[in-house]
């Protein structure tokens, strides 16, 4: 059975997507670990934000706000390159 232009277009789009994916260099082990940790922290932040929207008690809301601020700080620290982090040189 002959293929229509729609299936050829889809096949071309899939080939182009595969080429773009293959063109990207694979992340190193350290970068992959950093991205995985960032994803975990982002997921935890999403959960804490959802809990905050439902929380009624002031102490519980304060705890969730502190948790979100801490998660934001940790995510920002992961996004900074290590070579530009002044604390990493002082601790090392």
N, C-alpha and C. Protein backbone atom coordinates (compact mmCIF):
# COMPACT_ATOMS: atom_id res chain seq x y z
N UNK A 1 0.85 -1.18 0.00
CA UNK A 1 0.00 0.00 0.00
C UNK A 1 0.89 1.24 0.00
N UNK A 2 0.54 2.23 -0.80
CA UNK A 2 1.34 3.45 -0.91
C UNK A 2 1.13 4.31 0.33
N UNK A 3 2.22 4.95 0.72
CA UNK A 3 2.11 5.83 1.89
C UNK A 3 1.75 7.24 1.43
N UNK A 4 0.92 7.88 2.19
CA UNK A 4 0.50 9.23 1.88
C UNK A 4 1.53 10.25 2.33
N UNK A 5 1.31 11.50 1.97
CA UNK A 5 2.26 12.55 2.33
C UNK A 5 2.31 12.78 3.82
N UNK A 6 1.20 12.48 4.54
CA UNK A 6 1.18 12.68 5.98
C UNK A 6 2.20 11.78 6.67
N UNK A 7 2.23 10.51 6.29
CA UNK A 7 3.15 9.59 6.95
C UNK A 7 4.59 9.92 6.60
N UNK A 8 4.84 10.41 5.38
CA UNK A 8 6.19 10.81 5.00
C UNK A 8 6.62 12.02 5.81
N UNK A 9 5.71 12.95 6.05
CA UNK A 9 6.01 14.13 6.84
C UNK A 9 6.34 13.74 8.28
N UNK A 10 5.56 12.84 8.83
CA UNK A 10 5.81 12.38 10.20
C UNK A 10 7.15 11.67 10.27
N UNK A 11 7.44 10.84 9.28
CA UNK A 11 8.72 10.13 9.26
C UNK A 11 9.88 11.12 9.19
N UNK A 12 9.74 12.18 8.38
CA UNK A 12 10.79 13.19 8.28
C UNK A 12 10.98 13.92 9.60
N UNK A 13 9.86 14.22 10.29
CA UNK A 13 9.96 14.89 11.59
C UNK A 13 10.65 13.99 12.61
N UNK A 14 10.34 12.70 12.59
CA UNK A 14 10.97 11.76 13.51
C UNK A 14 12.46 11.65 13.22
N UNK A 15 12.84 11.61 11.94
CA UNK A 15 14.25 11.54 11.58
C UNK A 15 14.99 12.79 12.02
N UNK A 16 14.37 13.95 11.83
CA UNK A 16 15.00 15.21 12.24
C UNK A 16 15.18 15.25 13.76
N UNK A 17 14.18 14.79 14.50
CA UNK A 17 14.28 14.77 15.96
C UNK A 17 15.38 13.83 16.41
N UNK A 18 15.50 12.68 15.77
CA UNK A 18 16.55 11.72 16.12
C UNK A 18 17.93 12.29 15.84
N UNK A 19 18.07 13.02 14.73
CA UNK A 19 19.35 13.64 14.40
C UNK A 19 19.72 14.70 15.42
N UNK A 20 18.75 15.52 15.85
CA UNK A 20 19.03 16.55 16.86
C UNK A 20 19.45 15.90 18.18
N UNK A 21 18.79 14.81 18.54
CA UNK A 21 19.11 14.14 19.79
C UNK A 21 20.50 13.53 19.72
N UNK A 22 20.87 12.96 18.58
CA UNK A 22 22.19 12.36 18.43
C UNK A 22 23.28 13.41 18.33
N UNK A 23 22.94 14.63 17.92
CA UNK A 23 23.93 15.69 17.77
C UNK A 23 24.38 16.23 19.13
N UNK A 24 23.55 16.11 20.13
CA UNK A 24 23.91 16.59 21.47
C UNK A 24 24.91 15.65 22.12
N UNK A 25 25.95 16.22 22.71
CA UNK A 25 26.89 15.34 23.41
C UNK A 25 26.25 14.78 24.67
N UNK A 26 26.59 13.56 25.00
CA UNK A 26 26.05 12.93 26.20
C UNK A 26 26.62 13.65 27.43
N UNK A 27 25.78 13.94 28.42
CA UNK A 27 26.29 14.61 29.62
C UNK A 27 27.22 13.67 30.39
N UNK A 28 28.18 14.27 31.06
CA UNK A 28 29.08 13.48 31.88
C UNK A 28 28.36 12.95 33.11
N UNK A 29 29.04 12.08 33.82
CA UNK A 29 28.45 11.47 35.01
C UNK A 29 28.11 12.54 36.05
N UNK A 30 29.01 13.48 36.24
CA UNK A 30 28.79 14.53 37.23
C UNK A 30 27.61 15.41 36.83
N UNK A 31 27.53 15.76 35.55
CA UNK A 31 26.43 16.59 35.07
C UNK A 31 25.10 15.84 35.16
N UNK A 32 25.10 14.57 34.85
CA UNK A 32 23.88 13.77 34.94
C UNK A 32 23.41 13.68 36.40
N UNK A 33 24.34 13.51 37.32
CA UNK A 33 23.98 13.46 38.73
C UNK A 33 23.43 14.80 39.20
N UNK A 34 24.04 15.87 38.73
CA UNK A 34 23.57 17.22 39.10
C UNK A 34 22.16 17.44 38.57
N UNK A 35 21.89 17.03 37.34
CA UNK A 35 20.57 17.20 36.75
C UNK A 35 19.53 16.34 37.48
N UNK A 36 19.92 15.13 37.85
CA UNK A 36 19.00 14.26 38.59
C UNK A 36 18.66 14.87 39.95
N UNK A 37 19.66 15.41 40.64
CA UNK A 37 19.40 16.04 41.94
C UNK A 37 18.53 17.27 41.77
N UNK A 38 18.77 18.05 40.71
CA UNK A 38 17.96 19.23 40.47
C UNK A 38 16.50 18.83 40.20
N UNK A 39 16.30 17.77 39.45
CA UNK A 39 14.94 17.29 39.17
C UNK A 39 14.24 16.85 40.45
N UNK A 40 14.97 16.17 41.32
CA UNK A 40 14.40 15.73 42.60
C UNK A 40 14.00 16.92 43.46
N UNK A 41 14.89 17.93 43.52
CA UNK A 41 14.59 19.12 44.31
C UNK A 41 13.41 19.89 43.73
N UNK A 42 13.33 19.96 42.41
CA UNK A 42 12.20 20.65 41.77
C UNK A 42 10.89 19.93 42.07
N UNK A 43 10.92 18.62 42.06
CA UNK A 43 9.73 17.85 42.39
C UNK A 43 9.32 18.07 43.85
N UNK A 44 10.29 18.09 44.75
CA UNK A 44 10.01 18.34 46.16
C UNK A 44 9.43 19.75 46.35
N UNK A 45 9.95 20.71 45.58
CA UNK A 45 9.44 22.08 45.67
C UNK A 45 7.99 22.14 45.20
N UNK A 46 7.69 21.44 44.12
CA UNK A 46 6.32 21.40 43.61
C UNK A 46 5.38 20.82 44.65
N UNK A 47 5.82 19.76 45.31
CA UNK A 47 4.99 19.13 46.35
C UNK A 47 4.79 20.07 47.53
N UNK A 48 5.87 20.74 47.96
CA UNK A 48 5.75 21.66 49.09
C UNK A 48 4.84 22.84 48.74
N UNK A 49 4.92 23.32 47.52
CA UNK A 49 4.06 24.43 47.10
C UNK A 49 2.59 24.00 47.08
N UNK A 50 2.33 22.79 46.61
CA UNK A 50 0.95 22.29 46.62
C UNK A 50 0.45 22.14 48.05
N UNK A 51 1.31 21.64 48.94
CA UNK A 51 0.92 21.51 50.35
C UNK A 51 0.65 22.88 50.96
N UNK A 52 1.46 23.88 50.59
CA UNK A 52 1.30 25.23 51.11
C UNK A 52 -0.04 25.81 50.70
N UNK A 53 -0.47 25.53 49.50
CA UNK A 53 -1.75 26.05 49.03
C UNK A 53 -2.93 25.46 49.80
N UNK A 54 -2.76 24.27 50.36
CA UNK A 54 -3.83 23.63 51.13
C UNK A 54 -3.71 23.84 52.64
N UNK A 55 -2.55 24.28 53.09
CA UNK A 55 -2.30 24.40 54.53
C UNK A 55 -3.12 25.53 55.14
N UNK A 56 -3.63 25.28 56.34
CA UNK A 56 -4.43 26.28 57.05
C UNK A 56 -3.71 26.82 58.28
N UNK A 57 -3.02 25.96 59.00
CA UNK A 57 -2.37 26.35 60.25
C UNK A 57 -1.14 27.20 59.96
N UNK A 58 -1.01 28.31 60.67
CA UNK A 58 0.10 29.25 60.46
C UNK A 58 1.47 28.59 60.65
N UNK A 59 1.67 27.78 61.71
CA UNK A 59 2.99 27.15 61.85
C UNK A 59 3.32 26.20 60.70
N UNK A 60 2.33 25.49 60.22
CA UNK A 60 2.54 24.58 59.10
C UNK A 60 2.89 25.37 57.84
N UNK A 61 2.19 26.48 57.62
CA UNK A 61 2.48 27.33 56.46
C UNK A 61 3.90 27.89 56.55
N UNK A 62 4.29 28.32 57.74
CA UNK A 62 5.65 28.87 57.93
C UNK A 62 6.71 27.81 57.64
N UNK A 63 6.46 26.59 58.10
CA UNK A 63 7.41 25.50 57.87
C UNK A 63 7.54 25.22 56.37
N UNK A 64 6.42 25.21 55.66
CA UNK A 64 6.44 24.96 54.23
C UNK A 64 7.12 26.09 53.47
N UNK A 65 6.90 27.33 53.90
CA UNK A 65 7.57 28.47 53.27
C UNK A 65 9.08 28.38 53.46
N UNK A 66 9.51 27.97 54.66
CA UNK A 66 10.95 27.79 54.90
C UNK A 66 11.51 26.66 54.05
N UNK A 67 10.75 25.60 53.90
CA UNK A 67 11.19 24.47 53.09
C UNK A 67 11.34 24.88 51.63
N UNK A 68 10.38 25.65 51.13
CA UNK A 68 10.45 26.12 49.74
C UNK A 68 11.65 27.04 49.54
N UNK A 69 11.90 27.92 50.50
CA UNK A 69 13.06 28.81 50.40
C UNK A 69 14.36 28.01 50.39
N UNK A 70 14.43 26.98 51.22
CA UNK A 70 15.63 26.13 51.25
C UNK A 70 15.79 25.38 49.94
N UNK A 71 14.70 24.85 49.40
CA UNK A 71 14.77 24.15 48.11
C UNK A 71 15.20 25.10 47.00
N UNK A 72 14.69 26.34 47.01
CA UNK A 72 15.10 27.33 46.02
C UNK A 72 16.60 27.60 46.12
N UNK A 73 17.10 27.70 47.35
CA UNK A 73 18.53 27.95 47.57
C UNK A 73 19.36 26.79 47.04
N UNK A 74 18.91 25.57 47.30
CA UNK A 74 19.66 24.39 46.86
C UNK A 74 19.63 24.23 45.34
N UNK A 75 18.50 24.56 44.72
CA UNK A 75 18.40 24.50 43.26
C UNK A 75 19.32 25.54 42.64
N UNK A 76 19.33 26.75 43.20
CA UNK A 76 20.20 27.81 42.67
C UNK A 76 21.67 27.42 42.81
N UNK A 77 22.02 26.76 43.91
CA UNK A 77 23.41 26.34 44.11
C UNK A 77 23.81 25.29 43.08
N UNK A 78 22.90 24.45 42.68
CA UNK A 78 23.20 23.43 41.66
C UNK A 78 23.38 24.06 40.28
N UNK A 79 22.72 25.17 40.04
CA UNK A 79 22.79 25.81 38.73
C UNK A 79 24.06 26.65 38.57
N UNK A 80 24.72 27.01 39.67
CA UNK A 80 25.97 27.76 39.58
C UNK A 80 27.10 26.83 39.19
N UNK A 81 27.97 27.26 38.29
CA UNK A 81 29.15 26.43 37.99
C UNK A 81 30.06 26.37 39.21
N UNK A 82 30.66 25.23 39.45
CA UNK A 82 31.52 25.04 40.62
C UNK A 82 32.71 25.99 40.61
N UNK A 83 33.28 26.28 39.45
CA UNK A 83 34.48 27.11 39.38
C UNK A 83 34.21 28.54 39.82
N UNK A 84 32.96 29.00 39.73
CA UNK A 84 32.62 30.36 40.13
C UNK A 84 32.07 30.44 41.54
N UNK A 85 31.96 29.32 42.23
CA UNK A 85 31.41 29.29 43.58
C UNK A 85 32.52 29.62 44.58
N UNK A 86 32.47 30.81 45.20
CA UNK A 86 33.54 31.20 46.13
C UNK A 86 33.61 30.33 47.38
N UNK A 87 32.47 29.75 47.79
CA UNK A 87 32.46 28.89 48.97
C UNK A 87 33.21 27.60 48.75
N UNK A 88 33.21 27.07 47.52
CA UNK A 88 33.86 25.79 47.25
C UNK A 88 35.38 25.92 47.41
N UNK A 89 35.95 27.10 47.13
CA UNK A 89 37.39 27.30 47.29
C UNK A 89 37.74 27.48 48.76
N UNK A 90 36.86 28.14 49.51
CA UNK A 90 37.15 28.38 50.93
C UNK A 90 37.06 27.10 51.73
N UNK A 91 36.13 26.20 51.35
CA UNK A 91 35.94 24.95 52.09
C UNK A 91 36.99 23.92 51.73
N UNK A 92 37.50 23.96 50.48
CA UNK A 92 38.39 22.94 49.96
C UNK A 92 39.73 23.04 50.51
